Amino acid sequence: MAYKINDDCISCGACADGCPTDAITEGDSKYVVDEEKCIDCGACADVCPVSAPAQA
């Protein structure tokens, strides 16, 4: 199950930098996860300062 980024996102980009598959990109109001590329590794959640990425 792919990760999703909730509304707690502060758009710092840490999750995108930590993603090994480049599945995370900057959206309009927060970063977003491409569910096709996400391998459910949790790297994004490990580096996020506000715990915005979570399993969907």
PDB file of N, CA and C in Angstrom:
ATOM      1  N   MET A   1       0.847  -1.176   0.000  1.00  0.00           N
ATOM      2  CA  MET A   1       0.000   0.000   0.000  1.00  0.00           C
ATOM      3  C   MET A   1       0.895   1.242   0.000  1.00  0.00           C
ATOM      4  N   ALA A   2       0.679   2.127  -0.904  1.00  0.00           N
ATOM      5  CA  ALA A   2       1.502   3.328  -1.056  1.00  0.00           C
ATOM      6  C   ALA A   2       1.286   4.308   0.092  1.00  0.00           C
ATOM      7  N   TYR A   3       2.289   5.113   0.316  1.00  0.00           N
ATOM      8  CA  TYR A   3       2.194   6.188   1.301  1.00  0.00           C
ATOM      9  C   TYR A   3       1.447   7.371   0.691  1.00  0.00           C
ATOM     10  N   LYS A   4       0.824   8.149   1.554  1.00  0.00           N
ATOM     11  CA  LYS A   4       0.191   9.408   1.157  1.00  0.00           C
ATOM     12  C   LYS A   4       0.693  10.473   2.120  1.00  0.00           C
ATOM     13  N   ILE A   5       0.697  11.702   1.663  1.00  0.00           N
ATOM     14  CA  ILE A   5       1.154  12.809   2.502  1.00  0.00           C
ATOM     15  C   ILE A   5      -0.061  13.598   2.951  1.00  0.00           C
ATOM     16  N   ASN A   6      -0.208  13.722   4.265  1.00  0.00           N
ATOM     17  CA  ASN A   6      -1.397  14.396   4.801  1.00  0.00           C
ATOM     18  C   ASN A   6      -1.219  15.912   4.835  1.00  0.00           C
ATOM     19  N   ASP A   7      -2.225  16.590   5.322  1.00  0.00           N
ATOM     20  CA  ASP A   7      -2.243  18.052   5.331  1.00  0.00           C
ATOM     21  C   ASP A   7      -1.271  18.686   6.331  1.00  0.00           C
ATOM     22  N   ASP A   8      -0.581  17.874   7.131  1.00  0.00           N
ATOM     23  CA  ASP A   8       0.422  18.405   8.050  1.00  0.00           C
ATOM     24  C   ASP A   8       1.699  18.813   7.310  1.00  0.00           C
ATOM     25  N   CYS A   9       1.792  18.470   6.029  1.00  0.00           N
ATOM     26  CA  CYS A   9       2.983  18.748   5.218  1.00  0.00           C
ATOM     27  C   CYS A   9       3.329  20.235   5.243  1.00  0.00           C
ATOM     28  N   ILE A  10       4.618  20.523   5.492  1.00  0.00           N
ATOM     29  CA  ILE A  10       5.094  21.910   5.506  1.00  0.00           C
ATOM     30  C   ILE A  10       5.921  22.226   4.254  1.00  0.00           C
ATOM     31  N   SER A  11       5.883  21.344   3.276  1.00  0.00           N
ATOM     32  CA  SER A  11       6.564  21.517   1.981  1.00  0.00           C
ATOM     33  C   SER A  11       8.058  21.774   2.109  1.00  0.00           C
ATOM     34  N   CYS A  12       8.703  21.045   3.005  1.00  0.00           N
ATOM     35  CA  CYS A  12      10.144  21.223   3.194  1.00  0.00           C
ATOM     36  C   CYS A  12      10.966  20.436   2.177  1.00  0.00           C
ATOM     37  N   GLY A  13      10.379  19.383   1.598  1.00  0.00           N
ATOM     38  CA  GLY A  13      11.071  18.594   0.586  1.00  0.00           C
ATOM     39  C   GLY A  13      11.907  17.452   1.119  1.00  0.00           C
ATOM     40  N   ALA A  14      11.951  17.262   2.420  1.00  0.00           N
ATOM     41  CA  ALA A  14      12.759  16.184   2.991  1.00  0.00           C
ATOM     42  C   ALA A  14      12.302  14.816   2.480  1.00  0.00           C
ATOM     43  N   CYS A  15      11.015  14.641   2.346  1.00  0.00           N
ATOM     44  CA  CYS A  15      10.484  13.357   1.888  1.00  0.00           C
ATOM     45  C   CYS A  15      10.911  13.060   0.455  1.00  0.00           C
ATOM     46  N   ALA A  16      10.860  14.053  -0.396  1.00  0.00           N
ATOM     47  CA  ALA A  16      11.254  13.872  -1.796  1.00  0.00           C
ATOM     48  C   ALA A  16      12.734  13.533  -1.890  1.00  0.00           C
ATOM     49  N   ASP A  17      13.549  14.204  -1.093  1.00  0.00           N
ATOM     50  CA  ASP A  17      14.988  13.930  -1.088  1.00  0.00           C
ATOM     51  C   ASP A  17      15.293  12.530  -0.570  1.00  0.00           C
ATOM     52  N   GLY A  18      14.464  12.035   0.341  1.00  0.00           N
ATOM     53  CA  GLY A  18      14.702  10.723   0.938  1.00  0.00           C
ATOM     54  C   GLY A  18      14.096   9.561   0.181  1.00  0.00           C
ATOM     55  N   CYS A  19      13.295   9.837  -0.831  1.00  0.00           N
ATOM     56  CA  CYS A  19      12.610   8.773  -1.569  1.00  0.00           C
ATOM     57  C   CYS A  19      13.552   8.105  -2.578  1.00  0.00           C
ATOM     58  N   PRO A  20      13.771   6.789  -2.458  1.00  0.00           N
ATOM     59  CA  PRO A  20      14.698   6.104  -3.363  1.00  0.00           C
ATOM     60  C   PRO A  20      14.158   5.891  -4.777  1.00  0.00           C
ATOM     61  N   THR A  21      12.851   6.066  -4.974  1.00  0.00           N
ATOM     62  CA  THR A  21      12.263   5.830  -6.304  1.00  0.00           C
ATOM     63  C   THR A  21      11.765   7.108  -6.962  1.00  0.00           C
ATOM     64  N   ASP A  22      12.058   8.258  -6.382  1.00  0.00           N
ATOM     65  CA  ASP A  22      11.589   9.550  -6.912  1.00  0.00           C
ATOM     66  C   ASP A  22      10.078   9.577  -7.108  1.00  0.00           C
ATOM     67  N   ALA A  23       9.360   8.995  -6.156  1.00  0.00           N
ATOM     68  CA  ALA A  23       7.908   8.919  -6.233  1.00  0.00           C
ATOM     69  C   ALA A  23       7.220  10.151  -5.667  1.00  0.00           C
ATOM     70  N   ILE A  24       7.983  11.056  -5.054  1.00  0.00           N
ATOM     71  CA  ILE A  24       7.393  12.211  -4.382  1.00  0.00           C
ATOM     72  C   ILE A  24       7.781  13.490  -5.113  1.00  0.00           C
ATOM     73  N   THR A  25       6.769  14.284  -5.418  1.00  0.00           N
ATOM     74  CA  THR A  25       6.988  15.558  -6.099  1.00  0.00           C
ATOM     75  C   THR A  25       6.210  16.659  -5.393  1.00  0.00           C
ATOM     76  N   GLU A  26       6.603  17.889  -5.677  1.00  0.00           N
ATOM     77  CA  GLU A  26       5.934  19.034  -5.068  1.00  0.00           C
ATOM     78  C   GLU A  26       4.598  19.273  -5.745  1.00  0.00           C
ATOM     79  N   GLY A  27       3.544  19.337  -4.938  1.00  0.00           N
ATOM     80  CA  GLY A  27       2.213  19.632  -5.451  1.00  0.00           C
ATOM     81  C   GLY A  27       1.865  21.091  -5.208  1.00  0.00           C
ATOM     82  N   ASP A  28       0.606  21.434  -5.404  1.00  0.00           N
ATOM     83  CA  ASP A  28       0.167  22.819  -5.232  1.00  0.00           C
ATOM     84  C   ASP A  28       0.283  23.300  -3.784  1.00  0.00           C
ATOM     85  N   SER A  29      -0.207  22.501  -2.845  1.00  0.00           N
ATOM     86  CA  SER A  29      -0.190  22.943  -1.449  1.00  0.00           C
ATOM     87  C   SER A  29       0.623  22.023  -0.541  1.00  0.00           C
ATOM     88  N   LYS A  30       1.042  20.873  -1.058  1.00  0.00           N
ATOM     89  CA  LYS A  30       1.859  19.928  -0.298  1.00  0.00           C
ATOM     90  C   LYS A  30       2.509  18.963  -1.280  1.00  0.00           C
ATOM     91  N   TYR A  31       3.447  18.186  -0.795  1.00  0.00           N
ATOM     92  CA  TYR A  31       4.083  17.186  -1.645  1.00  0.00           C
ATOM     93  C   TYR A  31       3.116  16.021  -1.858  1.00  0.00           C
ATOM     94  N   VAL A  32       3.265  15.330  -2.984  1.00  0.00           N
ATOM     95  CA  VAL A  32       2.372  14.224  -3.323  1.00  0.00           C
ATOM     96  C   VAL A  32       3.184  12.990  -3.707  1.00  0.00           C
ATOM     97  N   VAL A  33       2.593  11.821  -3.464  1.00  0.00           N
ATOM     98  CA  VAL A  33       3.233  10.545  -3.756  1.00  0.00           C
ATOM     99  C   VAL A  33       2.590   9.927  -4.989  1.00  0.00           C
ATOM    100  N   ASP A  34       3.411   9.511  -5.936  1.00  0.00           N
ATOM    101  CA  ASP A  34       2.944   8.767  -7.106  1.00  0.00           C
ATOM    102  C   ASP A  34       2.796   7.310  -6.673  1.00  0.00           C
ATOM    103  N   GLU A  35       1.566   6.841  -6.557  1.00  0.00           N
ATOM    104  CA  GLU A  35       1.304   5.499  -6.048  1.00  0.00           C
ATOM    105  C   GLU A  35       1.898   4.409  -6.934  1.00  0.00           C
ATOM    106  N   GLU A  36       2.102   4.691  -8.202  1.00  0.00           N
ATOM    107  CA  GLU A  36       2.692   3.709  -9.114  1.00  0.00           C
ATOM    108  C   GLU A  36       4.181   3.507  -8.837  1.00  0.00           C
ATOM    109  N   LYS A  37       4.850   4.545  -8.367  1.00  0.00           N
ATOM    110  CA  LYS A  37       6.289   4.470  -8.105  1.00  0.00           C
ATOM    111  C   LYS A  37       6.619   4.103  -6.660  1.00  0.00           C
ATOM    112  N   CYS A  38       5.700   4.353  -5.735  1.00  0.00           N
ATOM    113  CA  CYS A  38       5.943   4.116  -4.313  1.00  0.00           C
ATOM    114  C   CYS A  38       6.122   2.615  -4.047  1.00  0.00           C
ATOM    115  N   ILE A  39       7.210   2.267  -3.348  1.00  0.00           N
ATOM    116  CA  ILE A  39       7.480   0.865  -3.015  1.00  0.00           C
ATOM    117  C   ILE A  39       7.200   0.573  -1.542  1.00  0.00           C
ATOM    118  N   ASP A  40       6.534   1.492  -0.857  1.00  0.00           N
ATOM    119  CA  ASP A  40       6.098   1.288   0.524  1.00  0.00           C
ATOM    120  C   ASP A  40       7.271   1.025   1.473  1.00  0.00           C
ATOM    121  N   CYS A  41       8.380   1.733   1.259  1.00  0.00           N
ATOM    122  CA  CYS A  41       9.571   1.482   2.078  1.00  0.00           C
ATOM    123  C   CYS A  41       9.582   2.293   3.369  1.00  0.00           C
ATOM    124  N   GLY A  42       8.861   3.416   3.397  1.00  0.00           N
ATOM    125  CA  GLY A  42       8.805   4.241   4.591  1.00  0.00           C
ATOM    126  C   GLY A  42       9.943   5.234   4.745  1.00  0.00           C
ATOM    127  N   ALA A  43      10.813   5.344   3.746  1.00  0.00           N
ATOM    128  CA  ALA A  43      11.931   6.288   3.838  1.00  0.00           C
ATOM    129  C   ALA A  43      11.435   7.715   4.007  1.00  0.00           C
ATOM    130  N   CYS A  44      10.341   8.056   3.350  1.00  0.00           N
ATOM    131  CA  CYS A  44       9.780   9.405   3.452  1.00  0.00           C
ATOM    132  C   CYS A  44       9.316   9.709   4.873  1.00  0.00           C
ATOM    133  N   ALA A  45       8.671   8.738   5.485  1.00  0.00           N
ATOM    134  CA  ALA A  45       8.177   8.925   6.845  1.00  0.00           C
ATOM    135  C   ALA A  45       9.326   9.048   7.839  1.00  0.00           C
ATOM    136  N   ASP A  46      10.422   8.360   7.569  1.00  0.00           N
ATOM    137  CA  ASP A  46      11.575   8.399   8.465  1.00  0.00           C
ATOM    138  C   ASP A  46      12.246   9.766   8.511  1.00  0.00           C
ATOM    139  N   VAL A  47      12.203  10.516   7.399  1.00  0.00           N
ATOM    140  CA  VAL A  47      12.906  11.802   7.357  1.00  0.00           C
ATOM    141  C   VAL A  47      11.992  13.025   7.543  1.00  0.00           C
ATOM    142  N   CYS A  48      10.696  12.839   7.520  1.00  0.00           N
ATOM    143  CA  CYS A  48       9.763  13.963   7.630  1.00  0.00           C
ATOM    144  C   CYS A  48       9.737  14.533   9.045  1.00  0.00           C
ATOM    145  N   PRO A  49       9.962  15.838   9.204  1.00  0.00           N
ATOM    146  CA  PRO A  49       9.973  16.444  10.537  1.00  0.00           C
ATOM    147  C   PRO A  49       8.596  16.569  11.188  1.00  0.00           C
ATOM    148  N   VAL A  50       7.518  16.430  10.394  1.00  0.00           N
ATOM    149  CA  VAL A  50       6.175  16.583  10.957  1.00  0.00           C
ATOM    150  C   VAL A  50       5.311  15.331  10.780  1.00  0.00           C
ATOM    151  N   SER A  51       5.908  14.223  10.395  1.00  0.00           N
ATOM    152  CA  SER A  51       5.214  12.931  10.223  1.00  0.00           C
ATOM    153  C   SER A  51       4.039  13.019   9.258  1.00  0.00           C
ATOM    154  N   ALA A  52       4.203  13.776   8.167  1.00  0.00           N
ATOM    155  CA  ALA A  52       3.119  13.919   7.189  1.00  0.00           C
ATOM    156  C   ALA A  52       2.901  12.670   6.332  1.00  0.00           C
ATOM    157  N   PRO A  53       3.958  11.960   5.901  1.00  0.00           N
ATOM    158  CA  PRO A  53       3.719  10.748   5.107  1.00  0.00           C
ATOM    159  C   PRO A  53       3.206   9.613   5.992  1.00  0.00           C
ATOM    160  N   ALA A  54       2.173   8.939   5.534  1.00  0.00           N
ATOM    161  CA  ALA A  54       1.619   7.801   6.257  1.00  0.00           C
ATOM    162  C   ALA A  54       1.077   6.801   5.271  1.00  0.00           C
ATOM    163  N   GLN A  55       0.985   5.564   5.686  1.00  0.00           N
ATOM    164  CA  GLN A  55       0.426   4.552   4.803  1.00  0.00           C
ATOM    165  C   GLN A  55      -1.041   4.834   4.564  1.00  0.00           C
ATOM    166  N   ALA A  56      -1.437   4.695   3.323  1.00  0.00           N
ATOM    167  CA  ALA A  56      -2.823   4.992   2.935  1.00  0.00           C
ATOM    168  C   ALA A  56      -3.766   3.928   3.426  1.00  0.00           C
TER     169      ALA A  56
END
